[in-house]
Amino acid sequence: MKAAARLQLIKDEWEDASLAEKDDALVYNRKLWSILVTSATSEESPLPQEIKNNIASLAVYIFKQTMSVMTTDDSEKLASIISINRAIAEGLRAQPE
């Protein structure tokens, strides 16, 4: 949620945010996703292979979108990253029944 909140703030204040602020938020998110995909797709992970594949695909998409935001200076491309981050965070916080 922290990464999503940081990205949302940058998106909302895109015109006023400095390049360093934008870069910090994007780098933070990229690091978070690197950690997530590395641990979720490792051989030691108990997750089913299909879930591992889905997480890896999401990570590739996140990394591509991040590069696109950085190269095109298009804040609207942050919307999908923010949405995915929030959905993953909500899923991780959900209590199993």
Protein backbone atom coordinates (compact mmCIF):
# COMPACT_ATOMS: atom_id res chain seq x y z
CA MET A 1 0.00 0.00 0.00
CA LYS A 2 2.90 2.34 0.72
CA ALA A 3 4.20 2.04 -2.85
CA ALA A 4 0.70 2.61 -4.25
CA ALA A 5 0.25 5.66 -2.03
CA ARG A 6 3.59 7.12 -3.11
CA LEU A 7 2.77 6.56 -6.78
CA GLN A 8 -0.71 8.05 -6.34
CA LEU A 9 0.77 11.17 -4.78
CA ILE A 10 3.24 11.54 -7.64
CA LYS A 11 0.45 10.98 -10.18
CA ASP A 12 -1.77 13.57 -8.50
CA GLU A 13 1.05 16.12 -8.34
CA TRP A 14 2.81 15.16 -11.58
CA GLU A 15 3.32 18.67 -12.90
CA ASP A 16 4.73 19.96 -9.60
CA ALA A 17 6.78 16.89 -8.63
CA SER A 18 10.50 17.01 -9.28
CA LEU A 19 12.23 14.42 -11.41
CA ALA A 20 13.93 13.12 -8.26
CA GLU A 21 10.57 12.65 -6.48
CA LYS A 22 9.16 10.80 -9.47
CA ASP A 23 12.25 8.65 -9.74
CA ASP A 24 12.27 7.87 -6.00
CA ALA A 25 8.66 6.64 -6.09
CA LEU A 26 9.24 4.55 -9.22
CA VAL A 27 12.49 3.06 -7.92
CA TYR A 28 10.85 2.20 -4.58
CA ASN A 29 8.06 0.39 -6.41
CA ARG A 30 10.50 -1.42 -8.70
CA LYS A 31 12.52 -2.62 -5.70
CA LEU A 32 9.35 -3.82 -3.99
CA TRP A 33 8.34 -5.77 -7.09
CA SER A 34 11.83 -7.21 -7.48
CA ILE A 35 11.65 -8.58 -3.95
CA LEU A 36 8.12 -9.89 -4.45
CA VAL A 37 8.81 -11.66 -7.74
CA THR A 38 12.11 -13.10 -6.52
CA SER A 39 10.63 -14.61 -3.37
CA ALA A 40 7.34 -15.70 -4.94
CA THR A 41 8.94 -17.47 -7.89
CA SER A 42 11.87 -19.10 -6.09
CA GLU A 43 12.10 -22.87 -5.98
CA GLU A 44 11.53 -22.73 -2.22
CA SER A 45 8.22 -20.91 -2.64
CA PRO A 46 5.26 -23.15 -1.81
CA LEU A 47 3.04 -21.32 -4.32
CA PRO A 48 1.56 -23.33 -7.19
CA GLN A 49 3.42 -22.89 -10.49
CA GLU A 50 0.46 -21.11 -12.09
CA ILE A 51 0.53 -18.42 -9.38
CA LYS A 52 4.30 -18.10 -9.72
CA ASN A 53 3.84 -17.59 -13.47
CA ASN A 54 1.12 -14.98 -12.92
CA ILE A 55 3.25 -13.03 -10.46
CA ALA A 56 6.19 -13.13 -12.86
CA SER A 57 3.97 -11.86 -15.68
CA LEU A 58 2.63 -9.05 -13.50
CA ALA A 59 6.18 -8.09 -12.56
CA VAL A 60 7.23 -7.91 -16.21
CA TYR A 61 4.23 -5.69 -16.91
CA ILE A 62 5.04 -3.46 -13.92
CA PHE A 63 8.66 -3.10 -15.03
CA LYS A 64 7.63 -2.26 -18.61
CA GLN A 65 5.04 0.28 -17.43
CA THR A 66 7.60 1.85 -15.11
CA MET A 67 10.05 2.29 -17.99
CA SER A 68 7.27 3.69 -20.14
CA VAL A 69 6.32 6.25 -17.48
CA MET A 70 9.95 7.28 -17.19
CA THR A 71 10.54 7.59 -20.93
CA THR A 72 7.25 9.18 -21.97
CA ASP A 73 6.63 11.36 -18.90
CA ASP A 74 3.01 10.15 -18.93
CA SER A 75 1.49 10.07 -15.45
CA GLU A 76 -1.65 8.29 -16.67
CA LYS A 77 0.41 5.13 -17.12
CA LEU A 78 0.77 5.03 -13.34
CA ALA A 79 -2.92 4.18 -12.93
CA SER A 80 -2.51 0.51 -13.81
CA ILE A 81 0.56 0.14 -11.58
CA ILE A 82 -1.30 1.74 -8.67
CA SER A 83 -4.33 -0.48 -9.24
CA ILE A 84 -2.24 -3.67 -9.36
CA ASN A 85 -0.30 -2.67 -6.23
CA ARG A 86 -3.52 -2.04 -4.33
CA ALA A 87 -5.08 -5.31 -5.48
CA ILE A 88 -2.00 -7.32 -4.47
CA ALA A 89 -1.82 -5.55 -1.09
CA GLU A 90 -5.50 -6.18 -0.41
CA GLY A 91 -5.10 -9.83 -1.34
CA LEU A 92 -2.12 -10.20 0.97
CA ARG A 93 -3.99 -8.54 3.84
CA ALA A 94 -7.12 -10.69 3.41
CA GLN A 95 -7.72 -13.12 6.21
CA PRO A 96 -8.17 -16.75 5.12
CA GLU A 97 -11.54 -18.16 6.08
